Amino acid sequence: MTPPDINNSTREERSAYVTEAWKCLHDCEMCGKCRILRGREAEVLYADYIDGHRPYMEITFEIRNNNY
């Protein structure tokens, strides 16, 4: 699943992508999403992407490098 490009998508499409990409799979031992987000909401962390200010992958790299 590729994130929608900021220039060719709506805010709603980007928001839906983030919601779907980070939804809980109810299998924490195999998934790891909760560990990456560390109790934070994906919609909050990706607000700049959803609002069209920063690319999805830029934010993802910051989250994974614990700089966010």
N, C-alpha and C. Protein backbone atom coordinates (compact mmCIF):
# COMPACT_ATOMS: atom_id res chain seq x y z
N MET A 1 0.85 -1.18 0.00
CA MET A 1 0.00 0.00 0.00
C MET A 1 0.89 1.24 0.00
N THR A 2 0.74 2.06 -1.00
CA THR A 2 1.55 3.27 -1.15
C THR A 2 0.75 4.48 -0.67
N PRO A 3 1.38 5.34 0.14
CA PRO A 3 0.65 6.52 0.60
C PRO A 3 0.32 7.45 -0.55
N PRO A 4 -0.86 8.05 -0.52
CA PRO A 4 -1.22 9.01 -1.56
C PRO A 4 -0.24 10.19 -1.58
N ASP A 5 0.12 10.61 -2.77
CA ASP A 5 0.99 11.76 -2.94
C ASP A 5 0.28 13.01 -2.45
N ILE A 6 1.00 13.86 -1.77
CA ILE A 6 0.41 15.09 -1.20
C ILE A 6 -0.21 15.96 -2.30
N ASN A 7 0.47 16.06 -3.43
CA ASN A 7 0.01 16.95 -4.51
C ASN A 7 -1.16 16.41 -5.30
N ASN A 8 -1.41 15.10 -5.20
CA ASN A 8 -2.46 14.48 -6.01
C ASN A 8 -3.52 13.78 -5.18
N SER A 9 -3.73 14.26 -3.97
CA SER A 9 -4.73 13.62 -3.10
C SER A 9 -5.40 14.68 -2.24
N THR A 10 -6.53 14.29 -1.70
CA THR A 10 -7.26 15.18 -0.80
C THR A 10 -6.86 14.88 0.64
N ARG A 11 -7.19 15.80 1.50
CA ARG A 11 -6.94 15.60 2.93
C ARG A 11 -7.64 14.33 3.41
N GLU A 12 -8.85 14.11 2.95
CA GLU A 12 -9.63 12.95 3.35
C GLU A 12 -8.96 11.65 2.91
N GLU A 13 -8.40 11.64 1.71
CA GLU A 13 -7.70 10.45 1.23
C GLU A 13 -6.46 10.16 2.07
N ARG A 14 -5.72 11.19 2.41
CA ARG A 14 -4.52 11.01 3.24
C ARG A 14 -4.89 10.56 4.64
N SER A 15 -5.94 11.13 5.19
CA SER A 15 -6.40 10.73 6.51
C SER A 15 -6.84 9.27 6.52
N ALA A 16 -7.58 8.89 5.51
CA ALA A 16 -8.05 7.49 5.40
C ALA A 16 -6.86 6.54 5.28
N TYR A 17 -5.85 6.94 4.54
CA TYR A 17 -4.66 6.10 4.39
C TYR A 17 -3.99 5.88 5.75
N VAL A 18 -3.76 6.95 6.49
CA VAL A 18 -3.12 6.84 7.81
C VAL A 18 -3.95 5.96 8.73
N THR A 19 -5.24 6.17 8.76
CA THR A 19 -6.12 5.37 9.62
C THR A 19 -6.04 3.90 9.26
N GLU A 20 -6.06 3.58 7.99
CA GLU A 20 -6.00 2.19 7.54
C GLU A 20 -4.62 1.58 7.78
N ALA A 21 -3.58 2.33 7.49
CA ALA A 21 -2.22 1.81 7.63
C ALA A 21 -1.86 1.50 9.07
N TRP A 22 -2.40 2.25 10.01
CA TRP A 22 -2.03 2.10 11.41
C TRP A 22 -3.14 1.50 12.28
N LYS A 23 -4.18 0.93 11.66
CA LYS A 23 -5.25 0.36 12.47
C LYS A 23 -4.73 -0.85 13.26
N CYS A 24 -5.32 -1.04 14.39
CA CYS A 24 -4.92 -2.13 15.28
C CYS A 24 -5.30 -3.48 14.67
N LEU A 25 -4.34 -4.39 14.68
CA LEU A 25 -4.59 -5.74 14.16
C LEU A 25 -4.92 -6.73 15.27
N HIS A 26 -4.88 -6.27 16.51
CA HIS A 26 -5.19 -7.10 17.69
C HIS A 26 -4.28 -8.32 17.76
N ASP A 27 -3.02 -8.13 17.38
CA ASP A 27 -2.02 -9.18 17.46
C ASP A 27 -0.68 -8.53 17.75
N CYS A 28 -0.58 -7.93 18.93
CA CYS A 28 0.57 -7.10 19.28
C CYS A 28 1.92 -7.82 19.16
N GLU A 29 1.94 -9.08 19.46
CA GLU A 29 3.20 -9.81 19.40
C GLU A 29 3.73 -9.92 17.98
N MET A 30 2.85 -9.98 16.99
CA MET A 30 3.27 -10.12 15.60
C MET A 30 3.29 -8.78 14.84
N CYS A 31 2.50 -7.84 15.26
CA CYS A 31 2.32 -6.60 14.51
C CYS A 31 3.42 -5.57 14.77
N GLY A 32 3.53 -5.11 15.98
CA GLY A 32 4.53 -4.13 16.36
C GLY A 32 4.13 -2.68 16.16
N LYS A 33 2.95 -2.43 15.63
CA LYS A 33 2.54 -1.04 15.39
C LYS A 33 2.47 -0.24 16.69
N CYS A 34 1.95 -0.85 17.74
CA CYS A 34 1.85 -0.15 19.03
C CYS A 34 3.22 0.24 19.55
N ARG A 35 4.19 -0.63 19.34
CA ARG A 35 5.55 -0.36 19.80
C ARG A 35 6.14 0.83 19.04
N ILE A 36 5.85 0.92 17.75
CA ILE A 36 6.35 2.03 16.94
C ILE A 36 5.69 3.34 17.36
N LEU A 37 4.39 3.31 17.55
CA LEU A 37 3.65 4.52 17.91
C LEU A 37 3.84 4.91 19.38
N ARG A 38 4.21 3.96 20.21
CA ARG A 38 4.43 4.18 21.64
C ARG A 38 3.27 4.91 22.32
N GLY A 39 2.05 4.44 22.06
CA GLY A 39 0.87 4.97 22.72
C GLY A 39 0.34 6.26 22.13
N ARG A 40 0.94 6.72 21.07
CA ARG A 40 0.48 7.96 20.44
C ARG A 40 -0.47 7.63 19.29
N GLU A 41 -1.33 8.53 18.97
CA GLU A 41 -2.30 8.34 17.89
C GLU A 41 -1.64 8.63 16.54
N ALA A 42 -1.82 7.75 15.58
CA ALA A 42 -1.24 7.93 14.26
C ALA A 42 -1.72 9.21 13.60
N GLU A 43 -2.99 9.55 13.80
CA GLU A 43 -3.54 10.75 13.18
C GLU A 43 -2.86 12.02 13.70
N VAL A 44 -2.41 11.98 14.94
CA VAL A 44 -1.70 13.12 15.52
C VAL A 44 -0.27 13.18 14.98
N LEU A 45 0.40 12.02 14.98
CA LEU A 45 1.77 11.98 14.48
C LEU A 45 1.88 12.35 13.01
N TYR A 46 0.89 11.96 12.23
CA TYR A 46 0.90 12.21 10.80
C TYR A 46 0.07 13.43 10.40
N ALA A 47 -0.20 14.32 11.32
CA ALA A 47 -1.03 15.51 11.04
C ALA A 47 -0.43 16.36 9.92
N ASP A 48 0.88 16.52 9.90
CA ASP A 48 1.51 17.31 8.84
C ASP A 48 1.31 16.67 7.47
N TYR A 49 1.33 15.34 7.41
CA TYR A 49 1.06 14.65 6.14
C TYR A 49 -0.41 14.81 5.77
N ILE A 50 -1.28 14.57 6.70
CA ILE A 50 -2.72 14.67 6.44
C ILE A 50 -3.07 16.07 5.95
N ASP A 51 -2.44 17.09 6.55
CA ASP A 51 -2.71 18.48 6.15
C ASP A 51 -1.95 18.89 4.89
N GLY A 52 -1.12 18.00 4.35
CA GLY A 52 -0.42 18.28 3.10
C GLY A 52 0.85 19.07 3.23
N HIS A 53 1.49 19.05 4.42
CA HIS A 53 2.70 19.83 4.65
C HIS A 53 4.00 19.04 4.49
N ARG A 54 3.95 17.75 4.79
CA ARG A 54 5.18 16.94 4.75
C ARG A 54 4.86 15.56 4.20
N PRO A 55 5.83 14.94 3.51
CA PRO A 55 5.61 13.60 2.97
C PRO A 55 5.46 12.55 4.06
N TYR A 56 4.67 11.55 3.77
CA TYR A 56 4.41 10.45 4.70
C TYR A 56 5.72 9.78 5.14
N MET A 57 6.59 9.47 4.19
CA MET A 57 7.81 8.74 4.53
C MET A 57 8.75 9.56 5.39
N GLU A 58 8.79 10.85 5.23
CA GLU A 58 9.63 11.71 6.07
C GLU A 58 9.21 11.57 7.54
N ILE A 59 7.93 11.60 7.77
CA ILE A 59 7.42 11.47 9.14
C ILE A 59 7.67 10.06 9.65
N THR A 60 7.47 9.06 8.81
CA THR A 60 7.69 7.67 9.20
C THR A 60 9.13 7.47 9.64
N PHE A 61 10.09 8.00 8.89
CA PHE A 61 11.50 7.86 9.26
C PHE A 61 11.79 8.54 10.60
N GLU A 62 11.19 9.69 10.85
CA GLU A 62 11.38 10.36 12.14
C GLU A 62 10.81 9.53 13.28
N ILE A 63 9.64 8.96 13.08
CA ILE A 63 9.03 8.13 14.12
C ILE A 63 9.91 6.93 14.41
N ARG A 64 10.38 6.27 13.38
CA ARG A 64 11.20 5.06 13.55
C ARG A 64 12.55 5.37 14.13
N ASN A 65 13.06 6.57 13.92
CA ASN A 65 14.34 6.96 14.50
C ASN A 65 14.17 7.64 15.86
N ASN A 66 12.94 7.58 16.38
CA ASN A 66 12.61 8.15 17.69
C ASN A 66 12.88 9.63 17.80
N ASN A 67 12.78 10.34 16.69
CA ASN A 67 12.99 11.79 16.70
C ASN A 67 11.69 12.56 16.69
N TYR A 68 10.58 11.87 16.82
CA TYR A 68 9.30 12.55 16.72
C TYR A 68 8.59 12.48 18.02
